[in-house]
Amino acid sequence: MYAQMVKTDVARVRSLDEMDPVERGFQERVDAGQKIEPKEWMPEGYRKTLVRQISQHAHSEIVGQLPEGNWITRAPTLERKAILLAKVQDEAGHGLYLYCAAETLGVSRDEMYEQLHSGKAKYSSIFNYPTLTWADIGTIGWLVDGAAIMNQVPLQRCSYGPYSRAMIRICKEESFHQRQGYDALMRMVKGTPAQKAMVQDAFNRWWWPSLMMFGPSDDASVHSAQSMAWKIKQNSNDELRQKFVDQTVPQAKYLRLTVPDPDLKWNEEKGGYDFGEPDWEEFFNVIAGNGPCNAERLNARKKAWDDGAWFRDGLTAHANKMADRRTASKIAAE
């Protein structure tokens, strides 16, 4: 998932005995694994949490096109250009699916865009880092999309039906994104020493931001418990981060890359890797809007919105014209 720090507006998780009959019935349905659909009753906190999470996820998919988009014309081969173009198009589609899912909760797309452009709504911190070389594009596919898949596969079991169903197709396409990234790096590490060094440099720069994608550690993630009780989230931040490290370190070794973590070591007792703590001060600083590319990303989105005003106005005028014609035809027929 490309969503971090999603508030639930709930101070603590209440027991069934503390709920009124309507809310208790809702929670029992969720506990039983039933899907909640748009026109069914839901707690206001549940609805608001979903709007925040799904819209933040959608914003992240749209902003996520920017770090890679400027490499489409600079891809080293025609094949890589076509693959990257398809990937960026997929991300636009993911944003569309997610905005549609959020709209079923009573929020308009214009409202979500306004929240993004004003800075009220956030997107994933990972997209506020620069893509300096072609190796960054492969590393994003491998690490960033890999972390996204780790988060998003459980969302296919989310209690909210439209979100759950949107994630099925998104996860399939994200798997393609990860494979293309890893394949690109495989080619580079088998190339010249300079290409291998480029991959290691990109890996060094993206490793820690990728670990931060899962959000703060569990003891600092005060809203996760309620999201898990509502089955919006299925796993804690630390569980997913651990799973990501255990999966990714062997892949890095296969690429003959050195993980930039002096604390990394295999823990036989737990059957996984021990690893260092991400720089949470950097994480919160980027979330607050002070990352390397925060201003650049947001300005690019605002410019795209402003530049597209004429097209939106044209579509609206055409829709109004067609509606007037239908009304006139109906009156004439009567």
C-alpha atoms as a PDB file:
ATOM      1  CA  MET A   1       0.000   0.000   0.000  1.00  0.00           C
ATOM      2  CA  TYR A   2       1.203   3.530  -0.739  1.00  0.00           C
ATOM      3  CA  ALA A   3      -0.552   4.926   2.343  1.00  0.00           C
ATOM      4  CA  GLN A   4       1.103   5.915   5.606  1.00  0.00           C
ATOM      5  CA  MET A   5      -0.056   7.491   8.873  1.00  0.00           C
ATOM      6  CA  VAL A   6      -3.802   7.059   8.190  1.00  0.00           C
ATOM      7  CA  LYS A   7      -5.859   8.433  11.100  1.00  0.00           C
ATOM      8  CA  THR A   8      -8.970   6.616  12.327  1.00  0.00           C
ATOM      9  CA  ASP A   9     -10.404   9.324  14.639  1.00  0.00           C
ATOM     10  CA  VAL A  10     -10.904   6.562  17.231  1.00  0.00           C
ATOM     11  CA  ALA A  11      -9.168   6.797  20.597  1.00  0.00           C
ATOM     12  CA  ARG A  12      -9.169   3.058  21.275  1.00  0.00           C
ATOM     13  CA  VAL A  13     -10.635  -0.206  20.030  1.00  0.00           C
ATOM     14  CA  ARG A  14     -13.936  -0.892  21.807  1.00  0.00           C
ATOM     15  CA  SER A  15     -15.279  -4.316  22.675  1.00  0.00           C
ATOM     16  CA  LEU A  16     -18.574  -5.617  21.270  1.00  0.00           C
ATOM     17  CA  ASP A  17     -20.209  -5.056  24.653  1.00  0.00           C
ATOM     18  CA  GLU A  18     -19.432  -1.328  24.423  1.00  0.00           C
ATOM     19  CA  MET A  19     -21.107  -0.919  21.028  1.00  0.00           C
ATOM     20  CA  ASP A  20     -24.736  -0.137  20.281  1.00  0.00           C
ATOM     21  CA  PRO A  21     -26.718  -2.889  18.478  1.00  0.00           C
ATOM     22  CA  VAL A  22     -26.228  -1.442  14.977  1.00  0.00           C
ATOM     23  CA  GLU A  23     -22.459  -1.018  15.326  1.00  0.00           C
ATOM     24  CA  ARG A  24     -22.182  -4.418  16.980  1.00  0.00           C
ATOM     25  CA  GLY A  25     -23.920  -6.009  14.010  1.00  0.00           C
ATOM     26  CA  PHE A  26     -21.506  -4.253  11.664  1.00  0.00           C
ATOM     27  CA  GLN A  27     -18.466  -5.446  13.624  1.00  0.00           C
ATOM     28  CA  GLU A  28     -19.786  -9.023  13.765  1.00  0.00           C
ATOM     29  CA  ARG A  29     -20.139  -9.013   9.976  1.00  0.00           C
ATOM     30  CA  VAL A  30     -16.565  -7.760   9.633  1.00  0.00           C
ATOM     31  CA  ASP A  31     -15.317 -10.376  12.105  1.00  0.00           C
ATOM     32  CA  ALA A  32     -17.084 -13.059  10.074  1.00  0.00           C
ATOM     33  CA  GLY A  33     -15.214 -11.995   6.937  1.00  0.00           C
ATOM     34  CA  GLN A  34     -18.188 -10.471   5.119  1.00  0.00           C
ATOM     35  CA  LYS A  35     -17.658  -7.584   2.705  1.00  0.00           C
ATOM     36  CA  ILE A  36     -19.160  -4.187   3.414  1.00  0.00           C
ATOM     37  CA  GLU A  37     -20.713  -2.571   0.327  1.00  0.00           C
ATOM     38  CA  PRO A  38     -21.218   1.159  -0.394  1.00  0.00           C
ATOM     39  CA  LYS A  39     -24.934   1.474   0.379  1.00  0.00           C
ATOM     40  CA  GLU A  40     -24.754  -0.521   3.607  1.00  0.00           C
ATOM     41  CA  TRP A  41     -24.525   1.084   7.039  1.00  0.00           C
ATOM     42  CA  MET A  42     -21.028   1.664   8.374  1.00  0.00           C
ATOM     43  CA  PRO A  43     -19.571   3.665  11.293  1.00  0.00           C
ATOM     44  CA  GLU A  44     -18.556   7.180  10.321  1.00  0.00           C
ATOM     45  CA  GLY A  45     -15.025   6.499  11.577  1.00  0.00           C
ATOM     46  CA  TYR A  46     -14.792   3.478   9.265  1.00  0.00           C
ATOM     47  CA  ARG A  47     -15.933   5.547   6.284  1.00  0.00           C
ATOM     48  CA  LYS A  48     -13.546   8.414   7.022  1.00  0.00           C
ATOM     49  CA  THR A  49     -10.617   6.038   7.527  1.00  0.00           C
ATOM     50  CA  LEU A  50     -11.288   4.389   4.179  1.00  0.00           C
ATOM     51  CA  VAL A  51     -11.585   7.752   2.412  1.00  0.00           C
ATOM     52  CA  ARG A  52      -8.233   8.832   3.854  1.00  0.00           C
ATOM     53  CA  GLN A  53      -6.487   5.561   3.068  1.00  0.00           C
ATOM     54  CA  ILE A  54      -7.890   4.971  -0.418  1.00  0.00           C
ATOM     55  CA  SER A  55      -7.430   8.590  -1.522  1.00  0.00           C
ATOM     56  CA  GLN A  56      -3.863   8.637  -0.163  1.00  0.00           C
ATOM     57  CA  HIS A  57      -3.239   5.381  -2.019  1.00  0.00           C
ATOM     58  CA  ALA A  58      -4.685   6.899  -5.217  1.00  0.00           C
ATOM     59  CA  HIS A  59      -2.635  10.093  -4.864  1.00  0.00           C
ATOM     60  CA  SER A  60       0.498   7.970  -4.427  1.00  0.00           C
ATOM     61  CA  GLU A  61      -0.167   6.060  -7.643  1.00  0.00           C
ATOM     62  CA  ILE A  62      -0.591   9.317  -9.578  1.00  0.00           C
ATOM     63  CA  VAL A  63       2.402  11.115  -8.039  1.00  0.00           C
ATOM     64  CA  GLY A  64       4.350   7.852  -8.393  1.00  0.00           C
ATOM     65  CA  GLN A  65       4.387   8.337 -12.169  1.00  0.00           C
ATOM     66  CA  LEU A  66       6.636  11.385 -11.815  1.00  0.00           C
ATOM     67  CA  PRO A  67       9.953   9.817 -10.648  1.00  0.00           C
ATOM     68  CA  GLU A  68       9.834   7.338 -13.539  1.00  0.00           C
ATOM     69  CA  GLY A  69       8.089   9.377 -16.212  1.00  0.00           C
ATOM     70  CA  ASN A  70      11.097  11.543 -16.974  1.00  0.00           C
ATOM     71  CA  TRP A  71      13.141   8.403 -17.774  1.00  0.00           C
ATOM     72  CA  ILE A  72      10.823   7.161 -20.548  1.00  0.00           C
ATOM     73  CA  THR A  73      12.670   9.157 -23.222  1.00  0.00           C
ATOM     74  CA  ARG A  74      16.054   8.243 -21.712  1.00  0.00           C
ATOM     75  CA  ALA A  75      15.585   4.479 -21.403  1.00  0.00           C
ATOM     76  CA  PRO A  76      18.626   2.635 -22.824  1.00  0.00           C
ATOM     77  CA  THR A  77      16.729   0.541 -25.395  1.00  0.00           C
ATOM     78  CA  LEU A  78      13.408   0.622 -27.242  1.00  0.00           C
ATOM     79  CA  GLU A  79      12.295  -2.467 -25.304  1.00  0.00           C
ATOM     80  CA  ARG A  80      13.019  -0.796 -21.950  1.00  0.00           C
ATOM     81  CA  LYS A  81      11.220   2.330 -23.148  1.00  0.00           C
ATOM     82  CA  ALA A  82       8.087   0.338 -24.017  1.00  0.00           C
ATOM     83  CA  ILE A  83       8.182  -1.542 -20.708  1.00  0.00           C
ATOM     84  CA  LEU A  84       8.555   1.636 -18.668  1.00  0.00           C
ATOM     85  CA  LEU A  85       5.806   3.372 -20.630  1.00  0.00           C
ATOM     86  CA  ALA A  86       3.455   0.449 -19.904  1.00  0.00           C
ATOM     87  CA  LYS A  87       4.374   0.587 -16.220  1.00  0.00           C
ATOM     88  CA  VAL A  88       3.647   4.309 -15.923  1.00  0.00           C
ATOM     89  CA  GLN A  89       0.331   3.793 -17.736  1.00  0.00           C
ATOM     90  CA  ASP A  90      -0.535   1.040 -15.244  1.00  0.00           C
ATOM     91  CA  GLU A  91       0.062   3.441 -12.364  1.00  0.00           C
ATOM     92  CA  ALA A  92      -2.351   5.954 -13.877  1.00  0.00           C
ATOM     93  CA  GLY A  93      -4.916   3.155 -14.126  1.00  0.00           C
ATOM     94  CA  HIS A  94      -4.356   2.196 -10.499  1.00  0.00           C
ATOM     95  CA  GLY A  95      -5.073   5.762  -9.467  1.00  0.00           C
ATOM     96  CA  LEU A  96      -8.309   5.659 -11.497  1.00  0.00           C
ATOM     97  CA  TYR A  97      -9.490   2.404  -9.861  1.00  0.00           C
ATOM     98  CA  LEU A  98      -8.783   3.813  -6.412  1.00  0.00           C
ATOM     99  CA  TYR A  99     -10.413   7.204  -6.969  1.00  0.00           C
ATOM    100  CA  CYS A 100     -13.507   5.323  -8.178  1.00  0.00           C
ATOM    101  CA  ALA A 101     -13.456   3.156  -5.036  1.00  0.00           C
ATOM    102  CA  ALA A 102     -13.153   6.247  -2.822  1.00  0.00           C
ATOM    103  CA  GLU A 103     -16.058   7.935  -4.636  1.00  0.00           C
ATOM    104  CA  THR A 104     -18.368   5.118  -3.509  1.00  0.00           C
ATOM    105  CA  LEU A 105     -17.843   6.465   0.030  1.00  0.00           C
ATOM    106  CA  GLY A 106     -19.385   9.850  -0.815  1.00  0.00           C
ATOM    107  CA  VAL A 107     -16.311  11.932  -1.618  1.00  0.00           C
ATOM    108  CA  SER A 108     -15.924  13.540  -5.052  1.00  0.00           C
ATOM    109  CA  ARG A 109     -12.810  13.269  -7.158  1.00  0.00           C
ATOM    110  CA  ASP A 110     -12.521  17.056  -7.363  1.00  0.00           C
ATOM    111  CA  GLU A 111     -12.550  17.175  -3.571  1.00  0.00           C
ATOM    112  CA  MET A 112      -9.754  14.599  -3.374  1.00  0.00           C
ATOM    113  CA  TYR A 113      -7.678  16.503  -5.931  1.00  0.00           C
ATOM    114  CA  GLU A 114      -8.174  19.736  -4.003  1.00  0.00           C
ATOM    115  CA  GLN A 115      -6.965  18.053  -0.814  1.00  0.00           C
ATOM    116  CA  LEU A 116      -3.844  16.800  -2.608  1.00  0.00           C
ATOM    117  CA  HIS A 117      -3.014  20.121  -4.273  1.00  0.00           C
ATOM    118  CA  SER A 118      -3.551  22.098  -1.058  1.00  0.00           C
ATOM    119  CA  GLY A 119      -1.244  19.781   0.876  1.00  0.00           C
ATOM    120  CA  LYS A 120      -4.032  18.595   3.180  1.00  0.00           C
ATOM    121  CA  ALA A 121      -3.870  15.058   1.782  1.00  0.00           C
ATOM    122  CA  LYS A 122      -0.602  13.125   1.730  1.00  0.00           C
ATOM    123  CA  TYR A 123       0.947  10.581  -0.595  1.00  0.00           C
ATOM    124  CA  SER A 124       3.676   8.023   0.065  1.00  0.00           C
ATOM    125  CA  SER A 125       6.975   9.481   1.276  1.00  0.00           C
ATOM    126  CA  ILE A 126       8.898   7.232  -1.138  1.00  0.00           C
ATOM    127  CA  PHE A 127       8.007   9.412  -4.133  1.00  0.00           C
ATOM    128  CA  ASN A 128       9.805  12.428  -2.697  1.00  0.00           C
ATOM    129  CA  TYR A 129      13.238  11.021  -3.536  1.00  0.00           C
ATOM    130  CA  PRO A 130      15.008  11.739  -6.857  1.00  0.00           C
ATOM    131  CA  THR A 131      15.735   9.235  -9.632  1.00  0.00           C
ATOM    132  CA  LEU A 132      19.339  10.058 -10.487  1.00  0.00           C
ATOM    133  CA  THR A 133      20.298   7.185 -12.823  1.00  0.00           C
ATOM    134  CA  TRP A 134      18.725   4.435 -14.899  1.00  0.00           C
ATOM    135  CA  ALA A 135      19.548   2.010 -12.059  1.00  0.00           C
ATOM    136  CA  ASP A 136      17.087   3.947  -9.883  1.00  0.00           C
ATOM    137  CA  ILE A 137      14.270   2.893 -12.218  1.00  0.00           C
ATOM    138  CA  GLY A 138      15.108  -0.793 -11.823  1.00  0.00           C
ATOM    139  CA  THR A 139      15.530  -0.358  -8.078  1.00  0.00           C
ATOM    140  CA  ILE A 140      12.129   1.315  -7.775  1.00  0.00           C
ATOM    141  CA  GLY A 141      10.541  -1.614  -9.585  1.00  0.00           C
ATOM    142  CA  TRP A 142      12.317  -4.126  -7.353  1.00  0.00           C
ATOM    143  CA  LEU A 143      12.186  -2.439  -3.930  1.00  0.00           C
ATOM    144  CA  VAL A 144       9.368   0.122  -4.042  1.00  0.00           C
ATOM    145  CA  ASP A 145       6.917  -2.023  -5.965  1.00  0.00           C
ATOM    146  CA  GLY A 146       8.061  -5.022  -3.939  1.00  0.00           C
ATOM    147  CA  ALA A 147       7.201  -3.201  -0.709  1.00  0.00           C
ATOM    148  CA  ALA A 148       3.902  -2.093  -2.241  1.00  0.00           C
ATOM    149  CA  ILE A 149       3.010  -5.692  -3.119  1.00  0.00           C
ATOM    150  CA  MET A 150       3.801  -6.773   0.443  1.00  0.00           C
ATOM    151  CA  ASN A 151       1.296  -4.197   1.671  1.00  0.00           C
ATOM    152  CA  GLN A 152      -1.285  -4.617  -1.069  1.00  0.00           C
ATOM    153  CA  VAL A 153      -1.761  -8.384  -1.248  1.00  0.00           C
ATOM    154  CA  PRO A 154      -3.476  -8.406   2.185  1.00  0.00           C
ATOM    155  CA  LEU A 155      -5.715  -5.529   0.999  1.00  0.00           C
ATOM    156  CA  GLN A 156      -7.384  -7.990  -1.377  1.00  0.00           C
ATOM    157  CA  ARG A 157      -9.020  -9.287   1.823  1.00  0.00           C
ATOM    158  CA  CYS A 158     -10.003  -5.799   3.021  1.00  0.00           C
ATOM    159  CA  SER A 159     -13.493  -5.647   4.549  1.00  0.00           C
ATOM    160  CA  TYR A 160     -14.644  -2.910   2.138  1.00  0.00           C
ATOM    161  CA  GLY A 161     -15.774  -4.548  -1.093  1.00  0.00           C
ATOM    162  CA  PRO A 162     -14.858  -1.928  -3.745  1.00  0.00           C
ATOM    163  CA  TYR A 163     -11.348  -1.485  -2.300  1.00  0.00           C
ATOM    164  CA  SER A 164     -10.821  -5.222  -1.997  1.00  0.00           C
ATOM    165  CA  ARG A 165     -11.862  -5.863  -5.597  1.00  0.00           C
ATOM    166  CA  ALA A 166      -9.781  -2.994  -7.002  1.00  0.00           C
ATOM    167  CA  MET A 167      -6.697  -4.475  -5.334  1.00  0.00           C
ATOM    168  CA  ILE A 168      -6.995  -7.792  -7.175  1.00  0.00           C
ATOM    169  CA  ARG A 169      -6.068  -6.299 -10.553  1.00  0.00           C
ATOM    170  CA  ILE A 170      -3.638  -3.795  -9.043  1.00  0.00           C
ATOM    171  CA  CYS A 171      -1.657  -6.564  -7.336  1.00  0.00           C
ATOM    172  CA  LYS A 172      -1.352  -8.526 -10.584  1.00  0.00           C
ATOM    173  CA  GLU A 173       0.070  -5.486 -12.358  1.00  0.00           C
ATOM    174  CA  GLU A 174       2.371  -4.578  -9.462  1.00  0.00           C
ATOM    175  CA  SER A 175       3.896  -8.051  -9.736  1.00  0.00           C
ATOM    176  CA  PHE A 176       4.803  -7.254 -13.349  1.00  0.00           C
ATOM    177  CA  HIS A 177       6.353  -3.986 -12.182  1.00  0.00           C
ATOM    178  CA  GLN A 178       8.547  -5.749  -9.660  1.00  0.00           C
ATOM    179  CA  ARG A 179       9.698  -8.344 -12.173  1.00  0.00           C
ATOM    180  CA  GLN A 180      10.631  -5.739 -14.777  1.00  0.00           C
ATOM    181  CA  GLY A 181      12.680  -3.836 -12.191  1.00  0.00           C
ATOM    182  CA  TYR A 182      14.563  -6.902 -11.030  1.00  0.00           C
ATOM    183  CA  ASP A 183      15.198  -7.989 -14.620  1.00  0.00           C
ATOM    184  CA  ALA A 184      16.659  -4.574 -15.471  1.00  0.00           C
ATOM    185  CA  LEU A 185      19.043  -4.804 -12.506  1.00  0.00           C
ATOM    186  CA  MET A 186      20.017  -8.359 -13.444  1.00  0.00           C
ATOM    187  CA  ARG A 187      21.163  -7.088 -16.818  1.00  0.00           C
ATOM    188  CA  MET A 188      23.136  -4.226 -15.271  1.00  0.00           C
ATOM    189  CA  VAL A 189      24.995  -6.239 -12.617  1.00  0.00           C
ATOM    190  CA  LYS A 190      26.185  -8.584 -15.369  1.00  0.00           C
ATOM    191  CA  GLY A 191      27.537  -5.628 -17.331  1.00  0.00           C
ATOM    192  CA  THR A 192      30.502  -3.376 -16.759  1.00  0.00           C
ATOM    193  CA  PRO A 193      31.964  -2.509 -13.320  1.00  0.00           C
ATOM    194  CA  ALA A 194      30.495   0.977 -13.750  1.00  0.00           C
ATOM    195  CA  GLN A 195      27.012  -0.479 -14.281  1.00  0.00           C
ATOM    196  CA  LYS A 196      27.377  -2.722 -11.231  1.00  0.00           C
ATOM    197  CA  ALA A 197      28.498   0.283  -9.160  1.00  0.00           C
ATOM    198  CA  MET A 198      25.493   2.258 -10.412  1.00  0.00           C
ATOM    199  CA  VAL A 199      23.145  -0.475  -9.168  1.00  0.00           C
ATOM    200  CA  GLN A 200      24.838  -0.624  -5.767  1.00  0.00           C
ATOM    201  CA  ASP A 201      24.587   3.166  -5.439  1.00  0.00           C
ATOM    202  CA  ALA A 202      20.871   3.119  -6.247  1.00  0.00           C
ATOM    203  CA  PHE A 203      20.328   0.247  -3.809  1.00  0.00           C
ATOM    204  CA  ASN A 204      22.117   2.182  -1.064  1.00  0.00           C
ATOM    205  CA  ARG A 205      19.877   5.200  -1.585  1.00  0.00           C
ATOM    206  CA  TRP A 206      16.514   3.381  -1.868  1.00  0.00           C
ATOM    207  CA  TRP A 207      16.891   0.667   0.786  1.00  0.00           C
ATOM    208  CA  TRP A 208      15.969   2.704   3.861  1.00  0.00           C
ATOM    209  CA  PRO A 209      13.168   4.750   2.237  1.00  0.00           C
ATOM    210  CA  SER A 210      11.674   1.431   1.076  1.00  0.00           C
ATOM    211  CA  LEU A 211      11.635   0.124   4.655  1.00  0.00           C
ATOM    212  CA  MET A 212       9.901   3.336   5.724  1.00  0.00           C
ATOM    213  CA  MET A 213       7.074   2.642   3.256  1.00  0.00           C
ATOM    214  CA  PHE A 214       5.442   0.352   5.813  1.00  0.00           C
ATOM    215  CA  GLY A 215       4.937   3.266   8.164  1.00  0.00           C
ATOM    216  CA  PRO A 216       6.175   3.861  11.722  1.00  0.00           C
ATOM    217  CA  SER A 217       7.003   1.025  14.079  1.00  0.00           C
ATOM    218  CA  ASP A 218       3.999  -0.567  15.772  1.00  0.00           C
ATOM    219  CA  ASP A 219       4.492   1.227  19.075  1.00  0.00           C
ATOM    220  CA  ALA A 220       4.329   4.588  17.243  1.00  0.00           C
ATOM    221  CA  SER A 221       1.449   3.629  14.928  1.00  0.00           C
ATOM    222  CA  VAL A 222      -1.478   4.486  17.172  1.00  0.00           C
ATOM    223  CA  HIS A 223      -4.218   4.024  14.575  1.00  0.00           C
ATOM    224  CA  SER A 224      -3.258   0.566  13.288  1.00  0.00           C
ATOM    225  CA  ALA A 225      -5.170  -1.353  15.956  1.00  0.00           C
ATOM    226  CA  GLN A 226      -8.542   0.064  14.931  1.00  0.00           C
ATOM    227  CA  SER A 227      -7.823  -0.384  11.225  1.00  0.00           C
ATOM    228  CA  MET A 228      -6.994  -4.025  11.922  1.00  0.00           C
ATOM    229  CA  ALA A 229     -10.151  -4.473  14.021  1.00  0.00           C
ATOM    230  CA  TRP A 230     -12.173  -3.186  11.061  1.00  0.00           C
ATOM    231  CA  LYS A 231     -10.120  -5.480   8.778  1.00  0.00           C
ATOM    232  CA  ILE A 232      -9.014  -2.564   6.638  1.00  0.00           C
ATOM    233  CA  LYS A 233      -5.468  -3.612   7.515  1.00  0.00           C
ATOM    234  CA  GLN A 234      -4.571  -7.274   7.942  1.00  0.00           C
ATOM    235  CA  ASN A 235      -1.018  -7.038   9.304  1.00  0.00           C
ATOM    236  CA  SER A 236       0.969  -4.654  11.475  1.00  0.00           C
ATOM    237  CA  ASN A 237       3.646  -2.372  10.041  1.00  0.00           C
ATOM    238  CA  ASP A 238       6.490  -4.268  11.687  1.00  0.00           C
ATOM    239  CA  GLU A 239       5.187  -7.659  10.517  1.00  0.00           C
ATOM    240  CA  LEU A 240       5.164  -6.508   6.903  1.00  0.00           C
ATOM    241  CA  ARG A 241       8.560  -4.803   7.191  1.00  0.00           C
ATOM    242  CA  GLN A 242      10.082  -8.009   8.581  1.00  0.00           C
ATOM    243  CA  LYS A 243       8.554 -10.065   5.780  1.00  0.00           C
ATOM    244  CA  PHE A 244       9.884  -7.628   3.186  1.00  0.00           C
ATOM    245  CA  VAL A 245      13.441  -7.778   4.574  1.00  0.00           C
ATOM    246  CA  ASP A 246      13.387 -11.591   4.747  1.00  0.00           C
ATOM    247  CA  GLN A 247      12.248 -11.781   1.113  1.00  0.00           C
ATOM    248  CA  THR A 248      14.491  -9.051  -0.302  1.00  0.00           C
ATOM    249  CA  VAL A 249      17.880  -9.800   1.293  1.00  0.00           C
ATOM    250  CA  PRO A 250      18.301 -13.146  -0.567  1.00  0.00           C
ATOM    251  CA  GLN A 251      17.400 -11.361  -3.803  1.00  0.00           C
ATOM    252  CA  ALA A 252      20.078  -8.753  -3.104  1.00  0.00           C
ATOM    253  CA  LYS A 253      22.623 -11.507  -2.483  1.00  0.00           C
ATOM    254  CA  TYR A 254      21.707 -13.097  -5.795  1.00  0.00           C
ATOM    255  CA  LEU A 255      22.425  -9.761  -7.467  1.00  0.00           C
ATOM    256  CA  ARG A 256      25.742  -9.683  -5.544  1.00  0.00           C
ATOM    257  CA  LEU A 257      24.744  -6.458  -3.843  1.00  0.00           C
ATOM    258  CA  THR A 258      25.682  -5.407  -0.328  1.00  0.00           C
ATOM    259  CA  VAL A 259      22.747  -4.447   1.890  1.00  0.00           C
ATOM    260  CA  PRO A 260      23.581  -0.999   3.353  1.00  0.00           C
ATOM    261  CA  ASP A 261      22.850  -2.050   6.937  1.00  0.00           C
ATOM    262  CA  PRO A 262      25.723  -2.940   9.304  1.00  0.00           C
ATOM    263  CA  ASP A 263      23.208  -4.429  11.763  1.00  0.00           C
ATOM    264  CA  LEU A 264      21.809  -6.936   9.285  1.00  0.00           C
ATOM    265  CA  LYS A 265      22.296 -10.562  10.361  1.00  0.00           C
ATOM    266  CA  TRP A 266      20.450 -13.841  10.194  1.00  0.00           C
ATOM    267  CA  ASN A 267      18.615 -14.809  13.384  1.00  0.00           C
ATOM    268  CA  GLU A 268      18.326 -18.582  13.461  1.00  0.00           C
ATOM    269  CA  GLU A 269      15.981 -18.550  16.438  1.00  0.00           C
ATOM    270  CA  LYS A 270      13.284 -16.441  14.794  1.00  0.00           C
ATOM    271  CA  GLY A 271      13.991 -17.717  11.284  1.00  0.00           C
ATOM    272  CA  GLY A 272      14.461 -14.232   9.859  1.00  0.00           C
ATOM    273  CA  TYR A 273      16.851 -11.313   9.655  1.00  0.00           C
ATOM    274  CA  ASP A 274      17.631  -8.817  12.371  1.00  0.00           C
ATOM    275  CA  PHE A 275      18.108  -5.363  10.858  1.00  0.00           C
ATOM    276  CA  GLY A 276      18.741  -1.774  11.838  1.00  0.00           C
ATOM    277  CA  GLU A 277      16.209   0.915  12.620  1.00  0.00           C
ATOM    278  CA  PRO A 278      15.233   3.298   9.798  1.00  0.00           C
ATOM    279  CA  ASP A 279      15.814   7.001  10.359  1.00  0.00           C
ATOM    280  CA  TRP A 280      12.342   7.939  11.576  1.00  0.00           C
ATOM    281  CA  GLU A 281      13.304  11.578  11.916  1.00  0.00           C
ATOM    282  CA  GLU A 282      13.914  11.622   8.162  1.00  0.00           C
ATOM    283  CA  PHE A 283      10.610   9.820   7.574  1.00  0.00           C
ATOM    284  CA  PHE A 284       8.540  12.344   9.534  1.00  0.00           C
ATOM    285  CA  ASN A 285      10.462  15.200   7.935  1.00  0.00           C
ATOM    286  CA  VAL A 286       9.580  13.958   4.438  1.00  0.00           C
ATOM    287  CA  ILE A 287       5.953  13.337   5.451  1.00  0.00           C
ATOM    288  CA  ALA A 288       5.832  16.933   6.719  1.00  0.00           C
ATOM    289  CA  GLY A 289       6.784  18.172   3.236  1.00  0.00           C
ATOM    290  CA  ASN A 290      10.521  18.685   3.664  1.00  0.00           C
ATOM    291  CA  GLY A 291      11.889  15.848   1.528  1.00  0.00           C
ATOM    292  CA  PRO A 292      14.268  16.268  -1.428  1.00  0.00           C
ATOM    293  CA  CYS A 293      11.472  16.454  -4.020  1.00  0.00           C
ATOM    294  CA  ASN A 294       8.274  17.328  -2.110  1.00  0.00           C
ATOM    295  CA  ALA A 295       7.884  20.792  -3.651  1.00  0.00           C
ATOM    296  CA  GLU A 296       8.846  19.545  -7.124  1.00  0.00           C
ATOM    297  CA  ARG A 297       6.297  16.702  -7.059  1.00  0.00           C
ATOM    298  CA  LEU A 298       3.431  18.834  -5.788  1.00  0.00           C
ATOM    299  CA  ASN A 299       4.172  21.659  -8.229  1.00  0.00           C
ATOM    300  CA  ALA A 300       4.185  19.167 -11.098  1.00  0.00           C
ATOM    301  CA  ARG A 301       0.756  17.879 -10.073  1.00  0.00           C
ATOM    302  CA  LYS A 302      -0.653  21.414  -9.730  1.00  0.00           C
ATOM    303  CA  LYS A 303       0.720  22.376 -13.147  1.00  0.00           C
ATOM    304  CA  ALA A 304      -0.799  19.286 -14.761  1.00  0.00           C
ATOM    305  CA  TRP A 305      -4.156  20.141 -13.177  1.00  0.00           C
ATOM    306  CA  ASP A 306      -4.034  23.761 -14.325  1.00  0.00           C
ATOM    307  CA  ASP A 307      -2.842  22.842 -17.832  1.00  0.00           C
ATOM    308  CA  GLY A 308      -5.729  20.390 -18.199  1.00  0.00           C
ATOM    309  CA  ALA A 309      -8.440  22.898 -17.220  1.00  0.00           C
ATOM    310  CA  TRP A 310      -9.394  23.621 -20.856  1.00  0.00           C
ATOM    311  CA  PHE A 311      -9.957  19.931 -21.533  1.00  0.00           C
ATOM    312  CA  ARG A 312     -12.118  19.421 -18.436  1.00  0.00           C
ATOM    313  CA  ASP A 313     -14.127  22.517 -19.346  1.00  0.00           C
ATOM    314  CA  GLY A 314     -14.638  21.144 -22.854  1.00  0.00           C
ATOM    315  CA  LEU A 315     -15.847  17.787 -21.563  1.00  0.00           C
ATOM    316  CA  THR A 316     -18.256  19.510 -19.166  1.00  0.00           C
ATOM    317  CA  ALA A 317     -19.626  21.773 -21.921  1.00  0.00           C
ATOM    318  CA  HIS A 318     -20.136  18.775 -24.216  1.00  0.00           C
ATOM    319  CA  ALA A 319     -21.888  16.788 -21.473  1.00  0.00           C
ATOM    320  CA  ASN A 320     -24.183  19.738 -20.720  1.00  0.00           C
ATOM    321  CA  LYS A 321     -24.944  20.175 -24.420  1.00  0.00           C
ATOM    322  CA  MET A 322     -25.861  16.503 -24.815  1.00  0.00           C
ATOM    323  CA  ALA A 323     -28.026  16.650 -21.683  1.00  0.00           C
ATOM    324  CA  ASP A 324     -29.884  19.676 -23.082  1.00  0.00           C
ATOM    325  CA  ARG A 325     -30.483  17.829 -26.365  1.00  0.00           C
ATOM    326  CA  ARG A 326     -31.891  14.811 -24.539  1.00  0.00           C
ATOM    327  CA  THR A 327     -34.202  17.058 -22.517  1.00  0.00           C
ATOM    328  CA  ALA A 328     -35.368  18.864 -25.644  1.00  0.00           C
ATOM    329  CA  SER A 329     -36.024  15.558 -27.439  1.00  0.00           C
ATOM    330  CA  LYS A 330     -38.006  14.253 -24.475  1.00  0.00           C
ATOM    331  CA  ILE A 331     -40.147  17.408 -24.368  1.00  0.00           C
ATOM    332  CA  ALA A 332     -40.769  17.244 -28.123  1.00  0.00           C
ATOM    333  CA  ALA A 333     -41.783  13.605 -27.873  1.00  0.00           C
ATOM    334  CA  GLU A 334     -44.353  14.434 -25.213  1.00  0.00           C
END
